[in-house]
């Protein structure tokens, strides 16, 4: 379980950093909110992925993938509803 949560956090962090770099063109003001949203989205997506696989195992390939998808979706939602666009 600890390995899964660590992977969710890492994939969410990566998604947040990629969003700052590519979506917001390196805008430093968006660094903390996007990394936070990436981590939260990774945790939500990873939890959902673990529910889908119906297992408590430490590592399943689907779980980190769904964690990354959750982070990207949450960051995309933020980009679409943020008044700073």
Protein backbone atom coordinates (compact mmCIF):
# COMPACT_ATOMS: atom_id res chain seq x y z
CA UNK A 1 0.00 0.00 0.00
CA UNK A 2 2.84 2.40 0.83
CA UNK A 3 4.42 1.82 -2.58
CA UNK A 4 1.13 2.59 -4.34
CA UNK A 5 0.63 5.88 -2.51
CA UNK A 6 4.23 6.87 -3.17
CA UNK A 7 3.75 6.17 -6.87
CA UNK A 8 0.52 8.19 -6.92
CA UNK A 9 2.35 11.14 -5.38
CA UNK A 10 5.26 10.86 -7.82
CA UNK A 11 3.02 10.64 -10.88
CA UNK A 12 0.94 13.58 -9.63
CA UNK A 13 4.08 15.62 -9.02
CA UNK A 14 5.33 14.82 -12.52
CA UNK A 15 1.97 15.78 -14.03
CA UNK A 16 2.03 19.10 -12.16
CA UNK A 17 5.57 19.90 -13.30
CA UNK A 18 4.75 19.00 -16.90
CA UNK A 19 1.66 21.20 -16.75
CA UNK A 20 3.70 24.15 -15.53
CA UNK A 21 6.29 23.61 -18.23
CA UNK A 22 4.07 22.97 -21.24
CA UNK A 23 0.56 24.22 -20.53
CA UNK A 24 1.46 27.42 -18.69
CA UNK A 25 4.79 28.04 -20.48
CA UNK A 26 6.87 28.13 -17.31
CA UNK A 27 4.65 30.64 -15.46
CA UNK A 28 6.14 30.56 -11.94
CA UNK A 29 2.91 31.86 -10.38
CA UNK A 30 1.21 28.60 -11.33
CA UNK A 31 3.93 26.32 -9.92
CA UNK A 32 2.47 25.63 -6.46
CA UNK A 33 -1.21 25.35 -7.47
CA UNK A 34 -0.49 22.99 -10.35
CA UNK A 35 1.84 20.75 -8.38
CA UNK A 36 -0.74 20.62 -5.58
CA UNK A 37 -3.51 19.79 -8.05
CA UNK A 38 -1.29 17.17 -9.67
CA UNK A 39 -0.63 15.46 -6.35
CA UNK A 40 -4.30 15.60 -5.30
CA UNK A 41 -5.39 14.34 -8.73
CA UNK A 42 -2.82 11.57 -8.49
CA UNK A 43 -4.17 10.49 -5.12
CA UNK A 44 -7.77 10.58 -6.34
CA UNK A 45 -6.93 8.75 -9.56
CA UNK A 46 -4.77 6.19 -7.77
CA UNK A 47 -7.49 5.48 -5.24
CA UNK A 48 -9.98 5.08 -8.06
CA UNK A 49 -7.57 2.77 -9.89
CA UNK A 50 -7.20 0.61 -6.82
CA UNK A 51 -10.98 0.40 -6.51
CA UNK A 52 -11.19 -0.63 -10.18
CA UNK A 53 -8.60 -3.39 -9.76
CA UNK A 54 -10.27 -4.45 -6.49
CA UNK A 55 -6.99 -5.28 -4.82
CA UNK A 56 -4.82 -4.14 -1.94
CA UNK A 57 -1.56 -5.17 -3.64
CA UNK A 58 1.33 -2.74 -3.59
CA UNK A 59 1.76 -2.42 -7.33
CA UNK A 60 -0.56 -2.84 -10.29
CA UNK A 61 0.22 -1.29 -13.65
CA UNK A 62 -3.27 0.17 -13.99
CA UNK A 63 -3.11 2.10 -10.72
CA UNK A 64 -0.23 4.49 -11.61
CA UNK A 65 -1.71 5.02 -15.07
CA UNK A 66 -5.08 5.99 -13.60
CA UNK A 67 -3.23 8.16 -11.07
CA UNK A 68 -1.56 10.06 -13.90
CA UNK A 69 -4.86 10.39 -15.77
CA UNK A 70 -6.54 11.75 -12.61
CA UNK A 71 -3.81 14.35 -12.18
CA UNK A 72 -4.03 15.44 -15.81
CA UNK A 73 -7.82 15.68 -15.65
CA UNK A 74 -7.76 17.76 -12.48
CA UNK A 75 -5.13 20.12 -13.93
CA UNK A 76 -7.15 20.39 -17.15
CA UNK A 77 -10.26 21.23 -15.16
CA UNK A 78 -8.32 23.93 -13.31
CA UNK A 79 -7.06 25.36 -16.60
CA UNK A 80 -10.58 25.55 -18.00
CA UNK A 81 -12.23 27.19 -14.99
CA UNK A 82 -9.35 29.38 -13.80
CA UNK A 83 -9.97 33.10 -14.37
CA UNK A 84 -6.24 33.61 -15.00
CA UNK A 85 -6.30 32.14 -18.53
